[in-house]
PDB file of N, CA and C in Angstrom:
ATOM      1  N   MET A   1      49.330  84.984  97.849  1.00  0.00           N
ATOM      2  CA  MET A   1      49.314  85.879  96.715  1.00  0.00           C
ATOM      3  C   MET A   1      50.338  85.736  96.328  1.00  0.00           C
ATOM      4  N   GLN A   2      51.592  85.515  96.853  1.00  0.00           N
ATOM      5  CA  GLN A   2      53.037  85.619  95.615  1.00  0.00           C
ATOM      6  C   GLN A   2      53.099  84.745  95.056  1.00  0.00           C
ATOM      7  N   GLU A   3      52.527  83.246  95.576  1.00  0.00           N
ATOM      8  CA  GLU A   3      52.791  82.110  94.492  1.00  0.00           C
ATOM      9  C   GLU A   3      52.148  82.050  93.878  1.00  0.00           C
ATOM     10  N   LEU A   4      51.022  82.976  93.625  1.00  0.00           N
ATOM     11  CA  LEU A   4      49.869  82.964  92.399  1.00  0.00           C
ATOM     12  C   LEU A   4      50.364  83.823  91.570  1.00  0.00           C
ATOM     13  N   GLY A   5      51.148  85.095  91.904  1.00  0.00           N
ATOM     14  CA  GLY A   5      51.551  85.918  91.142  1.00  0.00           C
ATOM     15  C   GLY A   5      52.953  85.268  90.298  1.00  0.00           C
ATOM     16  N   GLU A   6      53.582  84.979  90.910  1.00  0.00           N
ATOM     17  CA  GLU A   6      54.800  84.052  90.252  1.00  0.00           C
ATOM     18  C   GLU A   6      54.236  82.774  89.424  1.00  0.00           C
ATOM     19  N   ARG A   7      53.506  81.713  90.038  1.00  0.00           N
ATOM     20  CA  ARG A   7      53.223  80.833  88.616  1.00  0.00           C
ATOM     21  C   ARG A   7      52.386  81.227  87.725  1.00  0.00           C
ATOM     22  N   TYR A   8      51.939  82.672  87.461  1.00  0.00           N
ATOM     23  CA  TYR A   8      51.089  82.805  86.629  1.00  0.00           C
ATOM     24  C   TYR A   8      51.687  84.226  85.927  1.00  0.00           C
ATOM     25  N   SER A   9      52.553  84.161  86.181  1.00  0.00           N
ATOM     26  CA  SER A   9      53.192  86.031  85.865  1.00  0.00           C
ATOM     27  C   SER A   9      52.329  86.763  85.769  1.00  0.00           C
ATOM     28  N   VAL A  10      51.521  86.917  86.611  1.00  0.00           N
ATOM     29  CA  VAL A  10      50.522  87.960  86.286  1.00  0.00           C
ATOM     30  C   VAL A  10      50.909  88.789  87.736  1.00  0.00           C
ATOM     31  N   PRO A  11      50.679  90.290  87.656  1.00  0.00           N
ATOM     32  CA  PRO A  11      51.132  91.041  88.517  1.00  0.00           C
ATOM     33  C   PRO A  11      49.677  91.358  89.518  1.00  0.00           C
ATOM     34  N   LEU A  12      49.377  91.418  90.479  1.00  0.00           N
ATOM     35  CA  LEU A  12      48.174  91.382  91.449  1.00  0.00           C
ATOM     36  C   LEU A  12      48.162  92.855  91.806  1.00  0.00           C
ATOM     37  N   LYS A  13      47.134  93.480  92.055  1.00  0.00           N
ATOM     38  CA  LYS A  13      46.966  94.675  92.475  1.00  0.00           C
ATOM     39  C   LYS A  13      45.974  94.013  94.023  1.00  0.00           C
ATOM     40  N   VAL A  14      46.320  94.709  95.027  1.00  0.00           N
ATOM     41  CA  VAL A  14      46.217  94.238  96.551  1.00  0.00           C
ATOM     42  C   VAL A  14      45.197  95.752  96.811  1.00  0.00           C
ATOM     43  N   TYR A  15      44.328  95.236  97.191  1.00  0.00           N
ATOM     44  CA  TYR A  15      43.173  96.558  97.738  1.00  0.00           C
ATOM     45  C   TYR A  15      43.508  96.440  99.166  1.00  0.00           C
ATOM     46  N   PHE A  16      43.986  97.451 100.197  1.00  0.00           N
ATOM     47  CA  PHE A  16      43.637  97.605 101.533  1.00  0.00           C
ATOM     48  C   PHE A  16      42.246  98.126 102.266  1.00  0.00           C
ATOM     49  N   PRO A  17      42.263  97.963 103.196  1.00  0.00           N
ATOM     50  CA  PRO A  17      40.890  98.935 104.223  1.00  0.00           C
ATOM     51  C   PRO A  17      41.543 100.103 104.069  1.00  0.00           C
ATOM     52  N   ASP A  18      40.878 101.473 103.665  1.00  0.00           N
ATOM     53  CA  ASP A  18      41.153 102.755 104.285  1.00  0.00           C
ATOM     54  C   ASP A  18      41.920 102.898 105.946  1.00  0.00           C
ATOM     55  N   SER A  19      42.790 102.638 106.039  1.00  0.00           N
ATOM     56  CA  SER A  19      43.231 102.877 107.456  1.00  0.00           C
ATOM     57  C   SER A  19      42.771 103.903 108.292  1.00  0.00           C
ATOM     58  N   ALA A  20      42.113 105.328 108.129  1.00  0.00           N
ATOM     59  CA  ALA A  20      41.352 106.103 108.896  1.00  0.00           C
ATOM     60  C   ALA A  20      40.281 105.573 108.764  1.00  0.00           C
ATOM     61  N   ALA A  21      39.844 104.879 107.772  1.00  0.00           N
ATOM     62  CA  ALA A  21      38.131 104.072 108.275  1.00  0.00           C
ATOM     63  C   ALA A  21      38.564 103.111 109.641  1.00  0.00           C
ATOM     64  N   VAL A  22      39.577 102.399 109.469  1.00  0.00           N
ATOM     65  CA  VAL A  22      39.978 101.445 110.367  1.00  0.00           C
ATOM     66  C   VAL A  22      39.949 102.179 111.739  1.00  0.00           C
ATOM     67  N   GLU A  23      40.860 103.042 112.032  1.00  0.00           N
ATOM     68  CA  GLU A  23      41.469 103.500 113.314  1.00  0.00           C
ATOM     69  C   GLU A  23      40.375 104.091 113.809  1.00  0.00           C
ATOM     70  N   LYS A  24      39.150 105.026 113.273  1.00  0.00           N
ATOM     71  CA  LYS A  24      37.938 105.213 113.391  1.00  0.00           C
ATOM     72  C   LYS A  24      36.702 104.389 114.139  1.00  0.00           C
ATOM     73  N   TYR A  25      36.993 103.310 113.134  1.00  0.00           N
ATOM     74  CA  TYR A  25      36.122 101.809 113.868  1.00  0.00           C
ATOM     75  C   TYR A  25      36.740 101.381 115.061  1.00  0.00           C
ATOM     76  N   VAL A  26      38.258 101.082 115.112  1.00  0.00           N
ATOM     77  CA  VAL A  26      38.274 100.829 116.125  1.00  0.00           C
ATOM     78  C   VAL A  26      38.278 101.834 117.618  1.00  0.00           C
ATOM     79  N   ALA A  27      38.478 102.704 117.308  1.00  0.00           N
ATOM     80  CA  ALA A  27      38.331 103.752 118.125  1.00  0.00           C
ATOM     81  C   ALA A  27      36.792 103.858 119.023  1.00  0.00           C
ATOM     82  N   GLN A  28      36.187 103.684 117.979  1.00  0.00           N
ATOM     83  CA  GLN A  28      34.633 103.517 118.130  1.00  0.00           C
ATOM     84  C   GLN A  28      34.598 102.274 118.785  1.00  0.00           C
ATOM     85  N   ASN A  29      34.995 101.147 118.663  1.00  0.00           N
ATOM     86  CA  ASN A  29      34.318 100.120 118.752  1.00  0.00           C
ATOM     87  C   ASN A  29      35.147  98.952 119.394  1.00  0.00           C
ATOM     88  N   GLY A  30      36.402  99.174 119.761  1.00  0.00           N
ATOM     89  CA  GLY A  30      37.598  98.557 119.884  1.00  0.00           C
ATOM     90  C   GLY A  30      37.792  97.315 119.264  1.00  0.00           C
ATOM     91  N   VAL A  31      39.078  97.002 119.547  1.00  0.00           N
ATOM     92  CA  VAL A  31      39.975  96.171 118.330  1.00  0.00           C
ATOM     93  C   VAL A  31      38.568  94.816 118.122  1.00  0.00           C
ATOM     94  N   ASN A  32      38.134  94.466 119.119  1.00  0.00           N
ATOM     95  CA  ASN A  32      37.395  93.416 119.046  1.00  0.00           C
ATOM     96  C   ASN A  32      35.525  93.800 119.123  1.00  0.00           C
ATOM     97  N   GLY A  33      35.614  95.040 118.238  1.00  0.00           N
ATOM     98  CA  GLY A  33      34.183  95.460 118.240  1.00  0.00           C
ATOM     99  C   GLY A  33      33.369  94.556 117.521  1.00  0.00           C
ATOM    100  N   PHE A  34      33.553  93.958 116.642  1.00  0.00           N
ATOM    101  CA  PHE A  34      32.531  92.938 115.992  1.00  0.00           C
ATOM    102  C   PHE A  34      32.075  92.190 116.912  1.00  0.00           C
ATOM    103  N   TYR A  35      32.550  91.770 117.923  1.00  0.00           N
ATOM    104  CA  TYR A  35      31.980  90.824 118.917  1.00  0.00           C
ATOM    105  C   TYR A  35      30.491  91.361 119.733  1.00  0.00           C
ATOM    106  N   ASN A  36      30.689  92.796 119.632  1.00  0.00           N
ATOM    107  CA  ASN A  36      29.736  93.224 120.418  1.00  0.00           C
ATOM    108  C   ASN A  36      28.043  93.450 119.811  1.00  0.00           C
ATOM    109  N   SER A  37      27.846  93.465 118.797  1.00  0.00           N
ATOM    110  CA  SER A  37      26.327  93.098 118.114  1.00  0.00           C
ATOM    111  C   SER A  37      26.750  92.994 116.430  1.00  0.00           C
ATOM    112  N   VAL A  38      25.582  92.745 115.938  1.00  0.00           N
ATOM    113  CA  VAL A  38      25.072  92.521 114.252  1.00  0.00           C
ATOM    114  C   VAL A  38      25.559  93.681 113.800  1.00  0.00           C
ATOM    115  N   ALA A  39      25.403  94.981 114.107  1.00  0.00           N
ATOM    116  CA  ALA A  39      25.724  96.206 113.621  1.00  0.00           C
ATOM    117  C   ALA A  39      26.907  96.398 113.460  1.00  0.00           C
ATOM    118  N   SER A  40      27.977  95.707 114.560  1.00  0.00           N
ATOM    119  CA  SER A  40      29.231  96.378 114.587  1.00  0.00           C
ATOM    120  C   SER A  40      29.760  95.610 114.078  1.00  0.00           C
ATOM    121  N   ARG A  41      29.505  94.232 113.917  1.00  0.00           N
ATOM    122  CA  ARG A  41      30.099  93.403 112.874  1.00  0.00           C
ATOM    123  C   ARG A  41      30.323  93.748 111.549  1.00  0.00           C
ATOM    124  N   LYS A  42      28.837  94.163 110.835  1.00  0.00           N
ATOM    125  CA  LYS A  42      28.650  94.554 109.342  1.00  0.00           C
ATOM    126  C   LYS A  42      29.277  95.904 109.282  1.00  0.00           C
ATOM    127  N   ALA A  43      29.221  97.167 110.325  1.00  0.00           N
ATOM    128  CA  ALA A  43      30.596  97.923 110.125  1.00  0.00           C
ATOM    129  C   ALA A  43      32.306  97.771 110.285  1.00  0.00           C
ATOM    130  N   CYS A  44      32.450  96.708 110.995  1.00  0.00           N
ATOM    131  CA  CYS A  44      33.891  95.873 110.738  1.00  0.00           C
ATOM    132  C   CYS A  44      34.097  95.338 109.174  1.00  0.00           C
ATOM    133  N   CYS A  45      33.077  94.626 108.668  1.00  0.00           N
ATOM    134  CA  CYS A  45      33.051  94.130 107.633  1.00  0.00           C
ATOM    135  C   CYS A  45      32.918  95.001 106.092  1.00  0.00           C
ATOM    136  N   PHE A  46      32.364  96.457 106.747  1.00  0.00           N
ATOM    137  CA  PHE A  46      32.065  97.273 105.603  1.00  0.00           C
ATOM    138  C   PHE A  46      33.412  97.796 105.201  1.00  0.00           C
ATOM    139  N   VAL A  47      34.097  98.274 106.457  1.00  0.00           N
ATOM    140  CA  VAL A  47      35.382  98.857 106.538  1.00  0.00           C
ATOM    141  C   VAL A  47      36.277  98.225 105.871  1.00  0.00           C
ATOM    142  N   ARG A  48      36.646  96.611 106.413  1.00  0.00           N
ATOM    143  CA  ARG A  48      37.822  96.094 105.976  1.00  0.00           C
ATOM    144  C   ARG A  48      37.460  95.277 104.785  1.00  0.00           C
ATOM    145  N   LYS A  49      36.257  95.132 104.437  1.00  0.00           N
ATOM    146  CA  LYS A  49      36.226  94.217 103.015  1.00  0.00           C
ATOM    147  C   LYS A  49      35.115  94.698 101.926  1.00  0.00           C
ATOM    148  N   VAL A  50      34.296  95.523 102.359  1.00  0.00           N
ATOM    149  CA  VAL A  50      33.114  95.875 101.457  1.00  0.00           C
ATOM    150  C   VAL A  50      33.631  97.188 100.552  1.00  0.00           C
ATOM    151  N   GLU A  51      34.234  97.893 101.320  1.00  0.00           N
ATOM    152  CA  GLU A  51      34.902  99.059 100.828  1.00  0.00           C
ATOM    153  C   GLU A  51      35.858  99.062  99.613  1.00  0.00           C
ATOM    154  N   PRO A  52      37.007  98.079 100.314  1.00  0.00           N
ATOM    155  CA  PRO A  52      37.855  97.799  99.555  1.00  0.00           C
ATOM    156  C   PRO A  52      37.663  96.841  98.156  1.00  0.00           C
ATOM    157  N   LEU A  53      36.422  96.045  98.002  1.00  0.00           N
ATOM    158  CA  LEU A  53      35.702  95.431  97.083  1.00  0.00           C
ATOM    159  C   LEU A  53      35.258  96.074  96.262  1.00  0.00           C
ATOM    160  N   ARG A  54      34.301  97.184  96.683  1.00  0.00           N
ATOM    161  CA  ARG A  54      34.081  98.109  95.996  1.00  0.00           C
ATOM    162  C   ARG A  54      35.230  99.024  94.982  1.00  0.00           C
ATOM    163  N   ARG A  55      36.133  99.300  95.783  1.00  0.00           N
ATOM    164  CA  ARG A  55      37.202  99.881  95.089  1.00  0.00           C
ATOM    165  C   ARG A  55      37.605  99.232  93.777  1.00  0.00           C
ATOM    166  N   ALA A  56      38.158  97.839  94.006  1.00  0.00           N
ATOM    167  CA  ALA A  56      38.435  96.822  93.106  1.00  0.00           C
ATOM    168  C   ALA A  56      37.825  96.710  92.029  1.00  0.00           C
ATOM    169  N   LEU A  57      36.363  96.943  92.120  1.00  0.00           N
ATOM    170  CA  LEU A  57      35.282  96.564  91.281  1.00  0.00           C
ATOM    171  C   LEU A  57      35.034  97.655  90.248  1.00  0.00           C
ATOM    172  N   LYS A  58      35.484  98.237  91.199  1.00  0.00           N
ATOM    173  CA  LYS A  58      34.922  99.902  90.146  1.00  0.00           C
ATOM    174  C   LYS A  58      35.304  99.845  88.992  1.00  0.00           C
ATOM    175  N   GLY A  59      34.359  99.771  87.558  1.00  0.00           N
ATOM    176  CA  GLY A  59      34.703 100.292  86.079  1.00  0.00           C
ATOM    177  C   GLY A  59      34.604  98.579  85.472  1.00  0.00           C
ATOM    178  N   LYS A  60      34.589  97.379  86.242  1.00  0.00           N
ATOM    179  CA  LYS A  60      34.550  96.068  86.041  1.00  0.00           C
ATOM    180  C   LYS A  60      33.357  95.848  85.460  1.00  0.00           C
ATOM    181  N   GLY A  61      33.304  94.782  84.137  1.00  0.00           N
ATOM    182  CA  GLY A  61      31.758  94.576  84.041  1.00  0.00           C
ATOM    183  C   GLY A  61      31.414  92.935  84.794  1.00  0.00           C
ATOM    184  N   ALA A  62      32.506  92.204  85.343  1.00  0.00           N
ATOM    185  CA  ALA A  62      32.284  91.141  85.834  1.00  0.00           C
ATOM    186  C   ALA A  62      32.993  90.862  87.128  1.00  0.00           C
ATOM    187  N   TRP A  63      33.259  90.113  88.168  1.00  0.00           N
ATOM    188  CA  TRP A  63      34.147  89.319  88.751  1.00  0.00           C
ATOM    189  C   TRP A  63      33.916  87.963  89.421  1.00  0.00           C
ATOM    190  N   ILE A  64      34.749  87.084  89.630  1.00  0.00           N
ATOM    191  CA  ILE A  64      34.981  86.109  89.900  1.00  0.00           C
ATOM    192  C   ILE A  64      35.515  85.561  91.544  1.00  0.00           C
ATOM    193  N   THR A  65      34.374  85.057  92.263  1.00  0.00           N
ATOM    194  CA  THR A  65      34.778  84.851  93.396  1.00  0.00           C
ATOM    195  C   THR A  65      35.342  83.421  93.832  1.00  0.00           C
ATOM    196  N   GLY A  66      36.009  83.389  95.244  1.00  0.00           N
ATOM    197  CA  GLY A  66      36.147  82.354  95.483  1.00  0.00           C
ATOM    198  C   GLY A  66      35.261  81.164  96.576  1.00  0.00           C
ATOM    199  N   MET A  67      33.894  81.718  96.138  1.00  0.00           N
ATOM    200  CA  MET A  67      33.018  81.005  96.656  1.00  0.00           C
ATOM    201  C   MET A  67      32.761  79.601  95.906  1.00  0.00           C
ATOM    202  N   ARG A  68      32.412  78.566  96.894  1.00  0.00           N
ATOM    203  CA  ARG A  68      32.153  77.486  96.162  1.00  0.00           C
ATOM    204  C   ARG A  68      31.017  76.557  96.975  1.00  0.00           C
ATOM    205  N   ARG A  69      30.326  75.850  96.124  1.00  0.00           N
ATOM    206  CA  ARG A  69      29.281  75.257  96.733  1.00  0.00           C
ATOM    207  C   ARG A  69      29.464  74.033  97.794  1.00  0.00           C
ATOM    208  N   ASP A  70      30.512  73.544  97.725  1.00  0.00           N
ATOM    209  CA  ASP A  70      30.911  72.509  98.765  1.00  0.00           C
ATOM    210  C   ASP A  70      31.900  73.047  99.914  1.00  0.00           C
ATOM    211  N   GLN A  71      31.736  74.452 100.207  1.00  0.00           N
ATOM    212  CA  GLN A  71      31.728  74.683 101.365  1.00  0.00           C
ATOM    213  C   GLN A  71      31.110  75.433 102.600  1.00  0.00           C
ATOM    214  N   ALA A  72      29.812  74.878 102.548  1.00  0.00           N
ATOM    215  CA  ALA A  72      28.692  75.479 103.008  1.00  0.00           C
ATOM    216  C   ALA A  72      27.448  74.332 102.817  1.00  0.00           C
ATOM    217  N   VAL A  73      26.837  74.410 103.629  1.00  0.00           N
ATOM    218  CA  VAL A  73      24.979  73.669 103.268  1.00  0.00           C
ATOM    219  C   VAL A  73      24.491  74.628 102.663  1.00  0.00           C
ATOM    220  N   THR A  74      24.767  75.917 103.197  1.00  0.00           N
ATOM    221  CA  THR A  74      23.989  77.343 102.702  1.00  0.00           C
ATOM    222  C   THR A  74      24.415  77.712 101.141  1.00  0.00           C
ATOM    223  N   ARG A  75      25.488  77.126 101.069  1.00  0.00           N
ATOM    224  CA  ARG A  75      26.066  77.208  99.524  1.00  0.00           C
ATOM    225  C   ARG A  75      25.970  76.191  98.401  1.00  0.00           C
ATOM    226  N   GLY A  76      24.880  75.180  98.978  1.00  0.00           N
ATOM    227  CA  GLY A  76      24.647  74.280  97.878  1.00  0.00           C
ATOM    228  C   GLY A  76      23.998  74.615  96.879  1.00  0.00           C
ATOM    229  N   THR A  77      23.128  75.487  96.273  1.00  0.00           N
ATOM    230  CA  THR A  77      22.372  76.114  95.150  1.00  0.00           C
ATOM    231  C   THR A  77      23.126  77.442  94.782  1.00  0.00           C
ATOM    232  N   LEU A  78      24.169  77.758  95.096  1.00  0.00           N
ATOM    233  CA  LEU A  78      25.373  78.759  94.550  1.00  0.00           C
ATOM    234  C   LEU A  78      25.110  78.529  92.905  1.00  0.00           C
ATOM    235  N   GLU A  79      24.748  79.599  92.403  1.00  0.00           N
ATOM    236  CA  GLU A  79      25.026  79.126  90.871  1.00  0.00           C
ATOM    237  C   GLU A  79      26.313  79.853  90.341  1.00  0.00           C
ATOM    238  N   VAL A  80      26.703  79.004  89.470  1.00  0.00           N
ATOM    239  CA  VAL A  80      27.987  78.986  89.033  1.00  0.00           C
ATOM    240  C   VAL A  80      28.147  80.498  88.144  1.00  0.00           C
ATOM    241  N   SER A  81      27.074  81.179  87.698  1.00  0.00           N
ATOM    242  CA  SER A  81      26.946  82.610  87.431  1.00  0.00           C
ATOM    243  C   SER A  81      25.439  83.287  87.698  1.00  0.00           C
ATOM    244  N   ALA A  82      25.679  84.658  88.219  1.00  0.00           N
ATOM    245  CA  ALA A  82      24.434  85.077  88.842  1.00  0.00           C
ATOM    246  C   ALA A  82      24.793  86.725  88.646  1.00  0.00           C
ATOM    247  N   TYR A  83      23.846  86.993  88.732  1.00  0.00           N
ATOM    248  CA  TYR A  83      24.201  89.083  88.851  1.00  0.00           C
ATOM    249  C   TYR A  83      24.064  89.271  90.553  1.00  0.00           C
ATOM    250  N   ASP A  84      25.154  90.137  90.318  1.00  0.00           N
ATOM    251  CA  ASP A  84      25.578  90.537  91.951  1.00  0.00           C
ATOM    252  C   ASP A  84      24.681  91.583  92.168  1.00  0.00           C
ATOM    253  N   ALA A  85      23.632  91.925  92.486  1.00  0.00           N
ATOM    254  CA  ALA A  85      22.997  93.533  92.824  1.00  0.00           C
ATOM    255  C   ALA A  85      23.431  94.476  93.198  1.00  0.00           C
ATOM    256  N   ASP A  86      24.148  93.862  94.650  1.00  0.00           N
ATOM    257  CA  ASP A  86      24.932  94.722  95.647  1.00  0.00           C
ATOM    258  C   ASP A  86      26.075  95.727  95.080  1.00  0.00           C
ATOM    259  N   GLN A  87      26.468  95.122  93.654  1.00  0.00           N
ATOM    260  CA  GLN A  87      27.973  95.314  93.277  1.00  0.00           C
ATOM    261  C   GLN A  87      27.431  95.873  91.317  1.00  0.00           C
ATOM    262  N   GLY A  88      26.148  95.472  91.317  1.00  0.00           N
ATOM    263  CA  GLY A  88      25.992  95.484  89.448  1.00  0.00           C
ATOM    264  C   GLY A  88      26.704  95.103  88.946  1.00  0.00           C
ATOM    265  N   LEU A  89      27.405  93.987  89.253  1.00  0.00           N
ATOM    266  CA  LEU A  89      27.973  93.069  88.030  1.00  0.00           C
ATOM    267  C   LEU A  89      27.510  91.654  88.047  1.00  0.00           C
ATOM    268  N   GLN A  90      27.838  91.051  87.251  1.00  0.00           N
ATOM    269  CA  GLN A  90      28.034  89.805  86.874  1.00  0.00           C
ATOM    270  C   GLN A  90      28.781  88.909  87.828  1.00  0.00           C
ATOM    271  N   LYS A  91      28.909  87.832  88.537  1.00  0.00           N
ATOM    272  CA  LYS A  91      29.318  87.451  89.358  1.00  0.00           C
ATOM    273  C   LYS A  91      29.294  86.004  89.056  1.00  0.00           C
ATOM    274  N   LEU A  92      30.894  85.180  89.364  1.00  0.00           N
ATOM    275  CA  LEU A  92      31.251  84.038  88.808  1.00  0.00           C
ATOM    276  C   LEU A  92      31.576  83.229  90.186  1.00  0.00           C
ATOM    277  N   ASN A  93      31.022  82.251  90.012  1.00  0.00           N
ATOM    278  CA  ASN A  93      31.471  81.387  91.420  1.00  0.00           C
ATOM    279  C   ASN A  93      31.852  79.878  90.926  1.00  0.00           C
ATOM    280  N   SER A  94      32.744  79.566  91.919  1.00  0.00           N
ATOM    281  CA  SER A  94      33.407  77.904  91.538  1.00  0.00           C
ATOM    282  C   SER A  94      32.875  77.103  91.443  1.00  0.00           C
ATOM    283  N   ALA A  95      32.395  76.045  90.498  1.00  0.00           N
ATOM    284  CA  ALA A  95      31.679  75.278  90.448  1.00  0.00           C
ATOM    285  C   ALA A  95      31.880  73.742  91.019  1.00  0.00           C
ATOM    286  N   ALA A  96      33.209  74.062  91.713  1.00  0.00           N
ATOM    287  CA  ALA A  96      33.453  72.706  92.995  1.00  0.00           C
ATOM    288  C   ALA A  96      32.348  72.509  93.710  1.00  0.00           C
TER     289      ALA A  96
END
């Protein structure tokens, strides 16, 4: 992140998970609770990734991801531009 900001002279705003929510998750599920079940993994991802992303995207019209079609077989048909219903925004993916 630091190199990106320096290279392009762009100030970056970093969104961190809510510390109280992470503490609550760990208290209920343990540090490695995401291994316990699919539900625990989804709860962990929500606290650490989904909720901060929602805060970051609030009020935006679109967003750019780092997802690339060449990263996995399941991403082979990833569109360069698609509507992200979960976020209610247009989502742009790398064409690589």
